[in-house]
Amino acid sequence: MEITEVRISLRDEERLKAFANVTFDNEFVIRGLKIIRGKDGHFVAMPSRKRPNGRHQDVAHPINPRMREYLETKVLDAYYAELEKQTGPLESPMPLTSEVEYESGVETDFSE
């Protein structure tokens, strides 16, 4: 499976830095990934829905570390490229962070 397109929509919020839409093999798209600035760097949050208990649960996510790394690298590369187009050259992008664990069925909460 290949990521054939990443579209970035920048935001200027404290933690939410952008939304991303990712196309796979020119045939399947996942919308609503979020680029979040965490304590130790940027990370990609998967699309999620709010559960009745107030927590968020991913609705789509990679199921192995290899795919997670591939997806996060492509999305963050596209984010930094879009940021450079809008603001000029970056000194150095923030590092990736492993702030969020992603496994099938894991609930996540990004409301900090």
PDB file of N, CA and C in Angstrom:
ATOM      1  N   MET A   1       0.854  -1.168   0.000  1.00  0.00           N
ATOM      2  CA  MET A   1       0.000   0.000   0.000  1.00  0.00           C
ATOM      3  C   MET A   1       0.899   1.229   0.000  1.00  0.00           C
ATOM      4  N   GLU A   2       0.552   2.178  -0.860  1.00  0.00           N
ATOM      5  CA  GLU A   2       1.356   3.388  -0.986  1.00  0.00           C
ATOM      6  C   GLU A   2       0.505   4.624  -0.732  1.00  0.00           C
ATOM      7  N   ILE A   3       1.069   5.571  -0.018  1.00  0.00           N
ATOM      8  CA  ILE A   3       0.412   6.864   0.150  1.00  0.00           C
ATOM      9  C   ILE A   3       0.714   7.671  -1.103  1.00  0.00           C
ATOM     10  N   THR A   4      -0.330   8.020  -1.843  1.00  0.00           N
ATOM     11  CA  THR A   4      -0.148   8.712  -3.111  1.00  0.00           C
ATOM     12  C   THR A   4      -0.434  10.205  -3.032  1.00  0.00           C
ATOM     13  N   GLU A   5      -1.056  10.657  -1.948  1.00  0.00           N
ATOM     14  CA  GLU A   5      -1.290  12.086  -1.788  1.00  0.00           C
ATOM     15  C   GLU A   5      -1.546  12.402  -0.316  1.00  0.00           C
ATOM     16  N   VAL A   6      -1.013  13.534   0.114  1.00  0.00           N
ATOM     17  CA  VAL A   6      -1.293  14.052   1.454  1.00  0.00           C
ATOM     18  C   VAL A   6      -1.652  15.515   1.277  1.00  0.00           C
ATOM     19  N   ARG A   7      -2.833  15.889   1.732  1.00  0.00           N
ATOM     20  CA  ARG A   7      -3.264  17.289   1.690  1.00  0.00           C
ATOM     21  C   ARG A   7      -3.276  17.834   3.109  1.00  0.00           C
ATOM     22  N   ILE A   8      -2.696  18.996   3.265  1.00  0.00           N
ATOM     23  CA  ILE A   8      -2.550  19.624   4.577  1.00  0.00           C
ATOM     24  C   ILE A   8      -3.359  20.910   4.624  1.00  0.00           C
ATOM     25  N   SER A   9      -4.074  21.099   5.711  1.00  0.00           N
ATOM     26  CA  SER A   9      -4.812  22.332   5.971  1.00  0.00           C
ATOM     27  C   SER A   9      -4.307  22.893   7.300  1.00  0.00           C
ATOM     28  N   LEU A  10      -3.472  23.937   7.217  1.00  0.00           N
ATOM     29  CA  LEU A  10      -2.836  24.495   8.410  1.00  0.00           C
ATOM     30  C   LEU A  10      -3.846  25.141   9.347  1.00  0.00           C
ATOM     31  N   ARG A  11      -3.539  25.079  10.635  1.00  0.00           N
ATOM     32  CA  ARG A  11      -4.309  25.749  11.678  1.00  0.00           C
ATOM     33  C   ARG A  11      -3.319  26.520  12.546  1.00  0.00           C
ATOM     34  N   ASP A  12      -3.786  27.537  13.216  1.00  0.00           N
ATOM     35  CA  ASP A  12      -2.914  28.327  14.073  1.00  0.00           C
ATOM     36  C   ASP A  12      -3.442  28.291  15.495  1.00  0.00           C
ATOM     37  N   GLU A  13      -3.515  27.092  16.040  1.00  0.00           N
ATOM     38  CA  GLU A  13      -3.975  26.918  17.410  1.00  0.00           C
ATOM     39  C   GLU A  13      -2.795  26.471  18.259  1.00  0.00           C
ATOM     40  N   GLU A  14      -2.954  26.539  19.571  1.00  0.00           N
ATOM     41  CA  GLU A  14      -1.845  26.205  20.453  1.00  0.00           C
ATOM     42  C   GLU A  14      -1.325  24.788  20.227  1.00  0.00           C
ATOM     43  N   ARG A  15      -2.213  23.802  20.177  1.00  0.00           N
ATOM     44  CA  ARG A  15      -1.788  22.406  20.010  1.00  0.00           C
ATOM     45  C   ARG A  15      -2.102  21.860  18.622  1.00  0.00           C
ATOM     46  N   LEU A  16      -3.269  22.180  18.084  1.00  0.00           N
ATOM     47  CA  LEU A  16      -3.650  21.687  16.760  1.00  0.00           C
ATOM     48  C   LEU A  16      -2.970  22.539  15.704  1.00  0.00           C
ATOM     49  N   LYS A  17      -2.073  21.941  14.943  1.00  0.00           N
ATOM     50  CA  LYS A  17      -1.301  22.682  13.954  1.00  0.00           C
ATOM     51  C   LYS A  17      -1.806  22.489  12.526  1.00  0.00           C
ATOM     52  N   ALA A  18      -2.507  21.373  12.263  1.00  0.00           N
ATOM     53  CA  ALA A  18      -3.014  21.139  10.910  1.00  0.00           C
ATOM     54  C   ALA A  18      -3.939  19.930  10.903  1.00  0.00           C
ATOM     55  N   PHE A  19      -4.764  19.868   9.846  1.00  0.00           N
ATOM     56  CA  PHE A  19      -5.516  18.668   9.512  1.00  0.00           C
ATOM     57  C   PHE A  19      -4.868  18.081   8.265  1.00  0.00           C
ATOM     58  N   ALA A  20      -4.972  16.771   8.103  1.00  0.00           N
ATOM     59  CA  ALA A  20      -4.423  16.103   6.924  1.00  0.00           C
ATOM     60  C   ALA A  20      -5.429  15.112   6.373  1.00  0.00           C
ATOM     61  N   ASN A  21      -5.461  15.019   5.054  1.00  0.00           N
ATOM     62  CA  ASN A  21      -6.214  13.991   4.343  1.00  0.00           C
ATOM     63  C   ASN A  21      -5.190  13.155   3.593  1.00  0.00           C
ATOM     64  N   VAL A  22      -5.264  11.843   3.716  1.00  0.00           N
ATOM     65  CA  VAL A  22      -4.279  10.946   3.128  1.00  0.00           C
ATOM     66  C   VAL A  22      -4.964  10.017   2.134  1.00  0.00           C
ATOM     67  N   THR A  23      -4.408   9.954   0.918  1.00  0.00           N
ATOM     68  CA  THR A  23      -4.930   9.070  -0.124  1.00  0.00           C
ATOM     69  C   THR A  23      -3.981   7.887  -0.298  1.00  0.00           C
ATOM     70  N   PHE A  24      -4.538   6.687  -0.358  1.00  0.00           N
ATOM     71  CA  PHE A  24      -3.779   5.457  -0.549  1.00  0.00           C
ATOM     72  C   PHE A  24      -4.046   4.905  -1.944  1.00  0.00           C
ATOM     73  N   ASP A  25      -2.979   4.605  -2.667  1.00  0.00           N
ATOM     74  CA  ASP A  25      -3.056   3.971  -3.990  1.00  0.00           C
ATOM     75  C   ASP A  25      -4.001   4.694  -4.948  1.00  0.00           C
ATOM     76  N   ASN A  26      -4.149   6.002  -4.809  1.00  0.00           N
ATOM     77  CA  ASN A  26      -5.065   6.794  -5.640  1.00  0.00           C
ATOM     78  C   ASN A  26      -6.491   6.258  -5.631  1.00  0.00           C
ATOM     79  N   GLU A  27      -6.868   5.513  -4.569  1.00  0.00           N
ATOM     80  CA  GLU A  27      -8.181   4.883  -4.546  1.00  0.00           C
ATOM     81  C   GLU A  27      -8.938   4.994  -3.235  1.00  0.00           C
ATOM     82  N   PHE A  28      -8.260   5.324  -2.140  1.00  0.00           N
ATOM     83  CA  PHE A  28      -8.916   5.329  -0.840  1.00  0.00           C
ATOM     84  C   PHE A  28      -8.382   6.503  -0.036  1.00  0.00           C
ATOM     85  N   VAL A  29      -9.276   7.267   0.589  1.00  0.00           N
ATOM     86  CA  VAL A  29      -8.838   8.436   1.354  1.00  0.00           C
ATOM     87  C   VAL A  29      -9.310   8.342   2.802  1.00  0.00           C
ATOM     88  N   ILE A  30      -8.461   8.800   3.690  1.00  0.00           N
ATOM     89  CA  ILE A  30      -8.829   8.968   5.097  1.00  0.00           C
ATOM     90  C   ILE A  30      -8.684  10.452   5.399  1.00  0.00           C
ATOM     91  N   ARG A  31      -9.778  11.053   5.853  1.00  0.00           N
ATOM     92  CA  ARG A  31      -9.800  12.479   6.161  1.00  0.00           C
ATOM     93  C   ARG A  31      -9.774  12.687   7.669  1.00  0.00           C
ATOM     94  N   GLY A  32      -9.272  13.836   8.071  1.00  0.00           N
ATOM     95  CA  GLY A  32      -9.382  14.228   9.461  1.00  0.00           C
ATOM     96  C   GLY A  32      -8.251  13.808  10.380  1.00  0.00           C
ATOM     97  N   LEU A  33      -7.082  13.431   9.826  1.00  0.00           N
ATOM     98  CA  LEU A  33      -5.938  13.219  10.696  1.00  0.00           C
ATOM     99  C   LEU A  33      -5.535  14.581  11.240  1.00  0.00           C
ATOM    100  N   LYS A  34      -4.999  14.613  12.447  1.00  0.00           N
ATOM    101  CA  LYS A  34      -4.613  15.878  13.062  1.00  0.00           C
ATOM    102  C   LYS A  34      -3.118  15.875  13.331  1.00  0.00           C
ATOM    103  N   ILE A  35      -2.488  17.010  13.089  1.00  0.00           N
ATOM    104  CA  ILE A  35      -1.096  17.187  13.476  1.00  0.00           C
ATOM    105  C   ILE A  35      -1.116  18.017  14.745  1.00  0.00           C
ATOM    106  N   ILE A  36      -0.618  17.402  15.811  1.00  0.00           N
ATOM    107  CA  ILE A  36      -0.679  17.980  17.148  1.00  0.00           C
ATOM    108  C   ILE A  36       0.736  18.309  17.624  1.00  0.00           C
ATOM    109  N   ARG A  37       0.881  19.466  18.242  1.00  0.00           N
ATOM    110  CA  ARG A  37       2.157  19.793  18.876  1.00  0.00           C
ATOM    111  C   ARG A  37       2.087  19.290  20.315  1.00  0.00           C
ATOM    112  N   GLY A  38       2.901  18.289  20.601  1.00  0.00           N
ATOM    113  CA  GLY A  38       2.964  17.735  21.948  1.00  0.00           C
ATOM    114  C   GLY A  38       4.115  18.337  22.722  1.00  0.00           C
ATOM    115  N   LYS A  39       4.327  17.840  23.915  1.00  0.00           N
ATOM    116  CA  LYS A  39       5.417  18.343  24.766  1.00  0.00           C
ATOM    117  C   LYS A  39       6.790  18.116  24.144  1.00  0.00           C
ATOM    118  N   ASP A  40       6.944  16.981  23.438  1.00  0.00           N
ATOM    119  CA  ASP A  40       8.248  16.614  22.887  1.00  0.00           C
ATOM    120  C   ASP A  40       8.331  16.710  21.374  1.00  0.00           C
ATOM    121  N   GLY A  41       7.321  17.232  20.720  1.00  0.00           N
ATOM    122  CA  GLY A  41       7.351  17.349  19.267  1.00  0.00           C
ATOM    123  C   GLY A  41       5.983  17.142  18.660  1.00  0.00           C
ATOM    124  N   HIS A  42       5.949  17.147  17.347  1.00  0.00           N
ATOM    125  CA  HIS A  42       4.686  16.940  16.635  1.00  0.00           C
ATOM    126  C   HIS A  42       4.381  15.454  16.517  1.00  0.00           C
ATOM    127  N   PHE A  43       3.088  15.139  16.503  1.00  0.00           N
ATOM    128  CA  PHE A  43       2.670  13.770  16.223  1.00  0.00           C
ATOM    129  C   PHE A  43       1.374  13.819  15.442  1.00  0.00           C
ATOM    130  N   VAL A  44       1.056  12.694  14.829  1.00  0.00           N
ATOM    131  CA  VAL A  44      -0.154  12.577  14.012  1.00  0.00           C
ATOM    132  C   VAL A  44      -1.201  11.819  14.816  1.00  0.00           C
ATOM    133  N   ALA A  45      -2.361  12.441  14.992  1.00  0.00           N
ATOM    134  CA  ALA A  45      -3.485  11.807  15.674  1.00  0.00           C
ATOM    135  C   ALA A  45      -4.475  11.322  14.617  1.00  0.00           C
ATOM    136  N   MET A  46      -4.933  10.118  14.782  1.00  0.00           N
ATOM    137  CA  MET A  46      -5.865   9.533  13.834  1.00  0.00           C
ATOM    138  C   MET A  46      -7.255  10.150  13.999  1.00  0.00           C
ATOM    139  N   PRO A  47      -8.080  10.048  12.952  1.00  0.00           N
ATOM    140  CA  PRO A  47      -9.461  10.529  13.089  1.00  0.00           C
ATOM    141  C   PRO A  47     -10.152   9.757  14.214  1.00  0.00           C
ATOM    142  N   SER A  48     -10.964  10.450  14.971  1.00  0.00           N
ATOM    143  CA  SER A  48     -11.607   9.805  16.108  1.00  0.00           C
ATOM    144  C   SER A  48     -13.028  10.328  16.285  1.00  0.00           C
ATOM    145  N   ARG A  49     -13.762   9.613  17.118  1.00  0.00           N
ATOM    146  CA  ARG A  49     -15.117  10.060  17.456  1.00  0.00           C
ATOM    147  C   ARG A  49     -15.226  10.094  18.968  1.00  0.00           C
ATOM    148  N   LYS A  50     -16.085  10.953  19.434  1.00  0.00           N
ATOM    149  CA  LYS A  50     -16.283  11.074  20.877  1.00  0.00           C
ATOM    150  C   LYS A  50     -17.270  10.016  21.335  1.00  0.00           C
ATOM    151  N   ARG A  51     -16.895   9.286  22.363  1.00  0.00           N
ATOM    152  CA  ARG A  51     -17.744   8.239  22.924  1.00  0.00           C
ATOM    153  C   ARG A  51     -18.663   8.847  23.971  1.00  0.00           C
ATOM    154  N   PRO A  52     -19.722   8.134  24.355  1.00  0.00           N
ATOM    155  CA  PRO A  52     -20.646   8.660  25.374  1.00  0.00           C
ATOM    156  C   PRO A  52     -19.970   9.011  26.700  1.00  0.00           C
ATOM    157  N   ASN A  53     -18.857   8.344  27.008  1.00  0.00           N
ATOM    158  CA  ASN A  53     -18.154   8.632  28.262  1.00  0.00           C
ATOM    159  C   ASN A  53     -17.239   9.860  28.155  1.00  0.00           C
ATOM    160  N   GLY A  54     -17.222  10.511  26.976  1.00  0.00           N
ATOM    161  CA  GLY A  54     -16.429  11.720  26.794  1.00  0.00           C
ATOM    162  C   GLY A  54     -15.043  11.492  26.231  1.00  0.00           C
ATOM    163  N   ARG A  55     -14.585  10.241  26.196  1.00  0.00           N
ATOM    164  CA  ARG A  55     -13.268   9.934  25.635  1.00  0.00           C
ATOM    165  C   ARG A  55     -13.380   9.782  24.125  1.00  0.00           C
ATOM    166  N   HIS A  56     -12.239   9.842  23.449  1.00  0.00           N
ATOM    167  CA  HIS A  56     -12.203   9.706  21.997  1.00  0.00           C
ATOM    168  C   HIS A  56     -11.660   8.332  21.617  1.00  0.00           C
ATOM    169  N   GLN A  57     -12.193   7.768  20.537  1.00  0.00           N
ATOM    170  CA  GLN A  57     -11.732   6.474  20.032  1.00  0.00           C
ATOM    171  C   GLN A  57     -11.406   6.634  18.556  1.00  0.00           C
ATOM    172  N   ASP A  58     -10.234   6.128  18.148  1.00  0.00           N
ATOM    173  CA  ASP A  58      -9.848   6.184  16.736  1.00  0.00           C
ATOM    174  C   ASP A  58     -10.860   5.440  15.885  1.00  0.00           C
ATOM    175  N   VAL A  59     -11.175   5.992  14.719  1.00  0.00           N
ATOM    176  CA  VAL A  59     -12.057   5.307  13.775  1.00  0.00           C
ATOM    177  C   VAL A  59     -11.261   4.663  12.642  1.00  0.00           C
ATOM    178  N   ALA A  60     -10.014   5.072  12.478  1.00  0.00           N
ATOM    179  CA  ALA A  60      -9.102   4.464  11.502  1.00  0.00           C
ATOM    180  C   ALA A  60      -7.692   4.637  12.046  1.00  0.00           C
ATOM    181  N   HIS A  61      -6.869   3.607  11.902  1.00  0.00           N
ATOM    182  CA  HIS A  61      -5.500   3.702  12.398  1.00  0.00           C
ATOM    183  C   HIS A  61      -4.662   2.559  11.854  1.00  0.00           C
ATOM    184  N   PRO A  62      -3.332   2.737  11.788  1.00  0.00           N
ATOM    185  CA  PRO A  62      -2.438   1.647  11.385  1.00  0.00           C
ATOM    186  C   PRO A  62      -2.468   0.541  12.436  1.00  0.00           C
ATOM    187  N   ILE A  63      -2.234  -0.685  11.994  1.00  0.00           N
ATOM    188  CA  ILE A  63      -2.254  -1.792  12.951  1.00  0.00           C
ATOM    189  C   ILE A  63      -0.869  -2.362  13.232  1.00  0.00           C
ATOM    190  N   ASN A  64       0.171  -1.769  12.626  1.00  0.00           N
ATOM    191  CA  ASN A  64       1.524  -2.213  12.955  1.00  0.00           C
ATOM    192  C   ASN A  64       2.474  -1.018  12.947  1.00  0.00           C
ATOM    193  N   PRO A  65       3.593  -1.131  13.654  1.00  0.00           N
ATOM    194  CA  PRO A  65       4.523  -0.006  13.775  1.00  0.00           C
ATOM    195  C   PRO A  65       5.108   0.461  12.441  1.00  0.00           C
ATOM    196  N   ARG A  66       5.331  -0.461  11.517  1.00  0.00           N
ATOM    197  CA  ARG A  66       5.897  -0.104  10.216  1.00  0.00           C
ATOM    198  C   ARG A  66       4.970   0.847   9.468  1.00  0.00           C
ATOM    199  N   MET A  67       3.684   0.536   9.456  1.00  0.00           N
ATOM    200  CA  MET A  67       2.719   1.397   8.767  1.00  0.00           C
ATOM    201  C   MET A  67       2.554   2.717   9.506  1.00  0.00           C
ATOM    202  N   ARG A  68       2.554   2.700  10.834  1.00  0.00           N
ATOM    203  CA  ARG A  68       2.452   3.934  11.621  1.00  0.00           C
ATOM    204  C   ARG A  68       3.610   4.870  11.276  1.00  0.00           C
ATOM    205  N   GLU A  69       4.828   4.339  11.257  1.00  0.00           N
ATOM    206  CA  GLU A  69       5.995   5.163  10.961  1.00  0.00           C
ATOM    207  C   GLU A  69       5.917   5.727   9.542  1.00  0.00           C
ATOM    208  N   TYR A  70       5.540   4.894   8.574  1.00  0.00           N
ATOM    209  CA  TYR A  70       5.397   5.337   7.183  1.00  0.00           C
ATOM    210  C   TYR A  70       4.371   6.463   7.086  1.00  0.00           C
ATOM    211  N   LEU A  71       3.201   6.263   7.678  1.00  0.00           N
ATOM    212  CA  LEU A  71       2.130   7.254   7.636  1.00  0.00           C
ATOM    213  C   LEU A  71       2.563   8.552   8.320  1.00  0.00           C
ATOM    214  N   GLU A  72       3.121   8.441   9.512  1.00  0.00           N
ATOM    215  CA  GLU A  72       3.510   9.637  10.254  1.00  0.00           C
ATOM    216  C   GLU A  72       4.615  10.404   9.524  1.00  0.00           C
ATOM    217  N   THR A  73       5.565   9.698   8.936  1.00  0.00           N
ATOM    218  CA  THR A  73       6.637  10.354   8.193  1.00  0.00           C
ATOM    219  C   THR A  73       6.083  11.110   6.993  1.00  0.00           C
ATOM    220  N   LYS A  74       5.221  10.467   6.212  1.00  0.00           N
ATOM    221  CA  LYS A  74       4.648  11.119   5.022  1.00  0.00           C
ATOM    222  C   LYS A  74       3.802  12.333   5.405  1.00  0.00           C
ATOM    223  N   VAL A  75       2.987  12.206   6.447  1.00  0.00           N
ATOM    224  CA  VAL A  75       2.115  13.303   6.865  1.00  0.00           C
ATOM    225  C   VAL A  75       2.941  14.465   7.411  1.00  0.00           C
ATOM    226  N   LEU A  76       3.899  14.179   8.281  1.00  0.00           N
ATOM    227  CA  LEU A  76       4.701  15.264   8.846  1.00  0.00           C
ATOM    228  C   LEU A  76       5.605  15.906   7.804  1.00  0.00           C
ATOM    229  N   ASP A  77       6.133  15.127   6.857  1.00  0.00           N
ATOM    230  CA  ASP A  77       6.914  15.721   5.761  1.00  0.00           C
ATOM    231  C   ASP A  77       6.053  16.694   4.964  1.00  0.00           C
ATOM    232  N   ALA A  78       4.817  16.289   4.667  1.00  0.00           N
ATOM    233  CA  ALA A  78       3.899  17.169   3.924  1.00  0.00           C
ATOM    234  C   ALA A  78       3.551  18.407   4.753  1.00  0.00           C
ATOM    235  N   TYR A  79       3.384  18.236   6.065  1.00  0.00           N
ATOM    236  CA  TYR A  79       3.092  19.367   6.943  1.00  0.00           C
ATOM    237  C   TYR A  79       4.240  20.372   6.924  1.00  0.00           C
ATOM    238  N   TYR A  80       5.482  19.903   7.102  1.00  0.00           N
ATOM    239  CA  TYR A  80       6.624  20.812   7.120  1.00  0.00           C
ATOM    240  C   TYR A  80       6.796  21.499   5.761  1.00  0.00           C
ATOM    241  N   ALA A  81       6.546  20.783   4.676  1.00  0.00           N
ATOM    242  CA  ALA A  81       6.630  21.393   3.335  1.00  0.00           C
ATOM    243  C   ALA A  81       5.578  22.484   3.170  1.00  0.00           C
ATOM    244  N   GLU A  82       4.344  22.225   3.615  1.00  0.00           N
ATOM    245  CA  GLU A  82       3.280  23.227   3.528  1.00  0.00           C
ATOM    246  C   GLU A  82       3.596  24.426   4.416  1.00  0.00           C
ATOM    247  N   LEU A  83       4.130  24.174   5.580  1.00  0.00           N
ATOM    248  CA  LEU A  83       4.513  25.247   6.495  1.00  0.00           C
ATOM    249  C   LEU A  83       5.590  26.125   5.856  1.00  0.00           C
ATOM    250  N   GLU A  84       6.575  25.507   5.207  1.00  0.00           N
ATOM    251  CA  GLU A  84       7.622  26.271   4.522  1.00  0.00           C
ATOM    252  C   GLU A  84       7.052  27.113   3.389  1.00  0.00           C
ATOM    253  N   LYS A  85       6.093  26.556   2.644  1.00  0.00           N
ATOM    254  CA  LYS A  85       5.460  27.332   1.562  1.00  0.00           C
ATOM    255  C   LYS A  85       4.774  28.572   2.118  1.00  0.00           C
ATOM    256  N   GLN A  86       4.158  28.448   3.287  1.00  0.00           N
ATOM    257  CA  GLN A  86       3.401  29.551   3.874  1.00  0.00           C
ATOM    258  C   GLN A  86       4.281  30.553   4.620  1.00  0.00           C
ATOM    259  N   THR A  87       5.355  30.072   5.277  1.00  0.00           N
ATOM    260  CA  THR A  87       6.117  30.944   6.177  1.00  0.00           C
ATOM    261  C   THR A  87       7.583  31.101   5.821  1.00  0.00           C
ATOM    262  N   GLY A  88       8.093  30.355   4.854  1.00  0.00           N
ATOM    263  CA  GLY A  88       9.520  30.395   4.538  1.00  0.00           C
ATOM    264  C   GLY A  88      10.240  29.230   5.180  1.00  0.00           C
ATOM    265  N   PRO A  89      11.559  29.142   4.931  1.00  0.00           N
ATOM    266  CA  PRO A  89      12.342  27.999   5.427  1.00  0.00           C
ATOM    267  C   PRO A  89      12.270  27.844   6.947  1.00  0.00           C
ATOM    268  N   LEU A  90      12.201  26.591   7.374  1.00  0.00           N
ATOM    269  CA  LEU A  90      12.170  26.273   8.800  1.00  0.00           C
ATOM    270  C   LEU A  90      13.591  26.080   9.292  1.00  0.00           C
ATOM    271  N   GLU A  91      13.864  26.483  10.541  1.00  0.00           N
ATOM    272  CA  GLU A  91      15.193  26.240  11.115  1.00  0.00           C
ATOM    273  C   GLU A  91      15.401  24.740  11.259  1.00  0.00           C
ATOM    274  N   SER A  92      14.527  24.098  11.992  1.00  0.00           N
ATOM    275  CA  SER A  92      14.530  22.635  12.085  1.00  0.00           C
ATOM    276  C   SER A  92      13.177  22.226  12.639  1.00  0.00           C
ATOM    277  N   PRO A  93      12.526  21.262  11.983  1.00  0.00           N
ATOM    278  CA  PRO A  93      11.212  20.833  12.459  1.00  0.00           C
ATOM    279  C   PRO A  93      11.318  20.172  13.818  1.00  0.00           C
ATOM    280  N   MET A  94      10.201  20.237  14.564  1.00  0.00           N
ATOM    281  CA  MET A  94      10.177  19.560  15.857  1.00  0.00           C
ATOM    282  C   MET A  94      10.258  18.060  15.638  1.00  0.00           C
ATOM    283  N   PRO A  95      10.872  17.329  16.553  1.00  0.00           N
ATOM    284  CA  PRO A  95      10.974  15.874  16.401  1.00  0.00           C
ATOM    285  C   PRO A  95       9.625  15.191  16.577  1.00  0.00           C
ATOM    286  N   LEU A  96       9.559  13.966  16.067  1.00  0.00           N
ATOM    287  CA  LEU A  96       8.379  13.139  16.300  1.00  0.00           C
ATOM    288  C   LEU A  96       8.325  12.779  17.769  1.00  0.00           C
ATOM    289  N   THR A  97       7.151  12.463  18.240  1.00  0.00           N
ATOM    290  CA  THR A  97       7.017  12.026  19.621  1.00  0.00           C
ATOM    291  C   THR A  97       6.196  10.752  19.654  1.00  0.00           C
ATOM    292  N   SER A  98       6.465   9.924  20.610  1.00  0.00           N
ATOM    293  CA  SER A  98       5.680   8.699  20.776  1.00  0.00           C
ATOM    294  C   SER A  98       4.691   8.925  21.910  1.00  0.00           C
ATOM    295  N   GLU A  99       4.156  10.145  21.980  1.00  0.00           N
ATOM    296  CA  GLU A  99       3.277  10.539  23.080  1.00  0.00           C
ATOM    297  C   GLU A  99       1.989   9.725  23.120  1.00  0.00           C
ATOM    298  N   VAL A 100       1.553   9.215  21.979  1.00  0.00           N
ATOM    299  CA  VAL A 100       0.272   8.529  21.921  1.00  0.00           C
ATOM    300  C   VAL A 100       0.484   7.104  21.454  1.00  0.00           C
ATOM    301  N   GLU A 101      -0.088   6.145  22.160  1.00  0.00           N
ATOM    302  CA  GLU A 101      -0.049   4.751  21.748  1.00  0.00           C
ATOM    303  C   GLU A 101      -1.226   4.456  20.843  1.00  0.00           C
ATOM    304  N   TYR A 102      -0.971   3.760  19.758  1.00  0.00           N
ATOM    305  CA  TYR A 102      -2.038   3.408  18.842  1.00  0.00           C
ATOM    306  C   TYR A 102      -2.081   1.905  18.686  1.00  0.00           C
ATOM    307  N   GLU A 103      -3.168   1.332  19.104  1.00  0.00           N
ATOM    308  CA  GLU A 103      -3.421  -0.082  18.887  1.00  0.00           C
ATOM    309  C   GLU A 103      -4.899  -0.215  18.602  1.00  0.00           C
ATOM    310  N   SER A 104      -5.260  -1.285  17.986  1.00  0.00           N
ATOM    311  CA  SER A 104      -6.663  -1.496  17.662  1.00  0.00           C
ATOM    312  C   SER A 104      -7.523  -1.357  18.906  1.00  0.00           C
ATOM    313  N   GLY A 105      -8.518  -0.470  18.826  1.00  0.00           N
ATOM    314  CA  GLY A 105      -9.466  -0.307  19.915  1.00  0.00           C
ATOM    315  C   GLY A 105      -8.989   0.579  21.062  1.00  0.00           C
ATOM    316  N   VAL A 106      -7.789   1.122  20.985  1.00  0.00           N
ATOM    317  CA  VAL A 106      -7.288   1.961  22.063  1.00  0.00           C
ATOM    318  C   VAL A 106      -8.013   3.295  22.032  1.00  0.00           C
ATOM    319  N   GLU A 107      -8.483   3.725  23.181  1.00  0.00           N
ATOM    320  CA  GLU A 107      -9.126   5.024  23.277  1.00  0.00           C
ATOM    321  C   GLU A 107      -8.058   6.066  23.542  1.00  0.00           C
ATOM    322  N   THR A 108      -8.197   7.232  22.924  1.00  0.00           N
ATOM    323  CA  THR A 108      -7.246   8.310  23.120  1.00  0.00           C
ATOM    324  C   THR A 108      -7.999   9.567  23.476  1.00  0.00           C
ATOM    325  N   ASP A 109      -7.333  10.454  24.187  1.00  0.00           N
ATOM    326  CA  ASP A 109      -7.939  11.709  24.584  1.00  0.00           C
ATOM    327  C   ASP A 109      -6.941  12.822  24.315  1.00  0.00           C
ATOM    328  N   PHE A 110      -7.279  13.732  23.384  1.00  0.00           N
ATOM    329  CA  PHE A 110      -6.386  14.814  22.997  1.00  0.00           C
ATOM    330  C   PHE A 110      -6.867  16.144  23.528  1.00  0.00           C
ATOM    331  N   SER A 111      -7.634  16.149  24.590  1.00  0.00           N
ATOM    332  CA  SER A 111      -8.250  17.364  25.075  1.00  0.00           C
ATOM    333  C   SER A 111      -7.407  18.111  26.101  1.00  0.00           C
ATOM    334  N   GLU A 112      -6.128  17.724  26.276  1.00  0.00           N
ATOM    335  CA  GLU A 112      -5.277  18.372  27.282  1.00  0.00           C
ATOM    336  C   GLU A 112      -5.193  19.861  27.069  1.00  0.00           C
TER     337      GLU A 112
END
